[in-house]
Amino acid sequence: MTGVFKKLFLPLICIVYALLYMATSVPDKCYEDCQKINELNEALSVNRSAYFYGSGRCTYNGQSDTLCVSVKDTLGINWDLFADTVCSIATQQGLLRQKIFILSSGAFPPDTLARKECP
């Protein structure tokens, strides 16, 4: 009987540990929001790769309604119009009532080129 107990002891401990880990782990709250932001990035990168670098949440707490869009400060681009475009595409992707900040990534700290609050 002790031979069977010795063979099952380690797998039993591993199973108990795995169950405790799954029960106490925090679920990923970012999945749906991150998916929408990735779709926003894909939509914005079409025909804008010369000056659009990417977008993401300005804060990392996951409960933010603020999007920071990183761009290359290029002459001839109307940044207020680009902020309207970002707002429109974000609303189409399901990111409602966002605050949009268009930031120049060529400077530190980043320079704010445009701001927009989406309806």
Protein backbone atom coordinates (compact mmCIF):
# COMPACT_ATOMS: atom_id res chain seq x y z
CA MET A 1 0.00 0.00 0.00
CA THR A 2 2.84 2.42 0.73
CA GLY A 3 4.27 1.86 -2.77
CA VAL A 4 1.02 3.03 -4.36
CA PHE A 5 0.91 6.02 -1.97
CA LYS A 6 4.46 7.01 -2.88
CA LYS A 7 3.66 6.86 -6.61
CA LEU A 8 0.51 8.97 -6.28
CA PHE A 9 1.79 11.51 -3.74
CA LEU A 10 3.68 13.81 -6.16
CA PRO A 11 0.95 13.88 -8.88
CA LEU A 12 -1.67 14.51 -6.19
CA ILE A 13 0.31 17.47 -4.82
CA CYS A 14 0.73 18.87 -8.35
CA ILE A 15 -3.01 18.58 -9.04
CA VAL A 16 -3.92 20.31 -5.76
CA TYR A 17 -1.42 23.09 -6.46
CA ALA A 18 -2.77 23.56 -10.02
CA LEU A 19 -6.35 23.79 -8.74
CA LEU A 20 -5.37 26.35 -6.12
CA TYR A 21 -3.48 28.36 -8.71
CA MET A 22 -6.46 28.43 -11.10
CA ALA A 23 -8.86 29.35 -8.30
CA THR A 24 -6.78 32.28 -7.07
CA SER A 25 -5.44 33.68 -10.36
CA VAL A 26 -6.81 37.00 -11.58
CA PRO A 27 -8.67 36.77 -14.90
CA ASP A 28 -7.29 38.81 -17.80
CA LYS A 29 -9.52 41.89 -17.97
CA CYS A 30 -7.62 43.30 -20.89
CA TYR A 31 -8.56 40.71 -23.48
CA GLU A 32 -11.63 42.41 -24.99
CA ASP A 33 -10.23 45.94 -24.69
CA CYS A 34 -6.85 44.92 -26.08
CA GLN A 35 -8.53 43.22 -29.03
CA LYS A 36 -10.42 46.41 -29.85
CA ILE A 37 -7.25 48.49 -29.61
CA ASN A 38 -5.42 46.05 -31.91
CA GLU A 39 -8.25 46.37 -34.45
CA LEU A 40 -8.02 50.16 -34.12
CA ASN A 41 -4.26 50.00 -34.80
CA GLU A 42 -4.81 47.85 -37.88
CA ALA A 43 -7.45 50.22 -39.24
CA LEU A 44 -5.33 53.31 -38.59
CA SER A 45 -2.18 51.88 -40.14
CA VAL A 46 -3.81 51.59 -43.58
CA ASN A 47 -2.36 54.41 -45.75
CA ARG A 48 -0.90 56.13 -42.66
CA SER A 49 2.28 54.12 -42.06
CA ALA A 50 4.46 57.16 -42.86
CA TYR A 51 3.43 58.95 -39.68
CA PHE A 52 1.30 56.58 -37.53
CA TYR A 53 3.25 54.38 -35.08
CA GLY A 54 0.55 52.91 -32.85
CA SER A 55 -2.00 53.51 -30.14
CA GLY A 56 -2.72 52.20 -26.70
CA ARG A 57 -4.01 53.09 -23.28
CA CYS A 58 -2.28 56.04 -21.64
CA THR A 59 -2.46 54.26 -18.29
CA TYR A 60 -1.96 50.61 -17.44
CA ASN A 61 -4.79 50.05 -14.96
CA GLY A 62 -7.16 48.66 -17.60
CA GLN A 63 -10.05 50.92 -16.56
CA SER A 64 -9.01 53.91 -18.63
CA ASP A 65 -11.04 55.72 -21.26
CA THR A 66 -7.99 57.52 -22.63
CA LEU A 67 -6.15 56.52 -25.81
CA CYS A 68 -2.66 57.78 -26.63
CA VAL A 69 -1.83 57.70 -30.33
CA SER A 70 1.87 57.85 -31.16
CA VAL A 71 2.76 59.60 -34.41
CA LYS A 72 5.70 61.14 -36.21
CA ASP A 73 5.28 64.91 -36.28
CA THR A 74 5.05 65.40 -40.04
CA LEU A 75 4.43 68.69 -41.83
CA GLY A 76 1.21 68.93 -43.77
CA ILE A 77 -0.84 66.68 -41.49
CA ASN A 78 -3.91 68.22 -39.88
CA TRP A 79 -3.70 66.60 -36.43
CA ASP A 80 -7.17 67.77 -35.39
CA LEU A 81 -8.64 66.05 -38.44
CA PHE A 82 -6.56 62.93 -37.67
CA ALA A 83 -7.93 62.98 -34.10
CA ASP A 84 -11.45 63.06 -35.58
CA THR A 85 -10.55 60.07 -37.74
CA VAL A 86 -9.18 58.17 -34.73
CA CYS A 87 -12.34 58.98 -32.80
CA SER A 88 -14.56 57.77 -35.63
CA ILE A 89 -12.67 54.50 -36.08
CA ALA A 90 -12.49 53.92 -32.31
CA THR A 91 -16.26 54.34 -32.05
CA GLN A 92 -16.74 51.86 -34.92
CA GLN A 93 -14.52 49.35 -33.06
CA GLY A 94 -16.65 49.66 -29.90
CA LEU A 95 -14.38 52.02 -27.96
CA LEU A 96 -17.04 54.51 -26.91
CA ARG A 97 -16.59 57.92 -25.22
CA GLN A 98 -12.80 57.92 -25.46
CA LYS A 99 -10.41 60.79 -24.86
CA ILE A 100 -7.87 60.83 -27.68
CA PHE A 101 -4.36 62.29 -27.33
CA ILE A 102 -2.21 62.53 -30.45
CA LEU A 103 1.40 62.47 -29.21
CA SER A 104 4.61 63.16 -31.09
CA SER A 105 6.98 60.28 -30.40
CA GLY A 106 10.06 62.18 -31.57
CA ALA A 107 10.38 64.23 -28.39
CA PHE A 108 10.79 63.42 -24.72
CA PRO A 109 8.47 64.08 -23.03
CA PRO A 110 6.06 63.53 -25.92
CA ASP A 111 4.48 66.66 -27.33
CA THR A 112 0.67 66.69 -27.53
CA LEU A 113 -0.29 67.57 -31.10
CA ALA A 114 -4.07 67.24 -30.72
CA ARG A 115 -6.77 66.28 -28.23
CA LYS A 116 -10.28 65.05 -28.82
CA GLU A 117 -13.15 63.79 -26.68
CA CYS A 118 -15.29 61.35 -28.60
CA PRO A 119 -19.07 61.50 -28.23
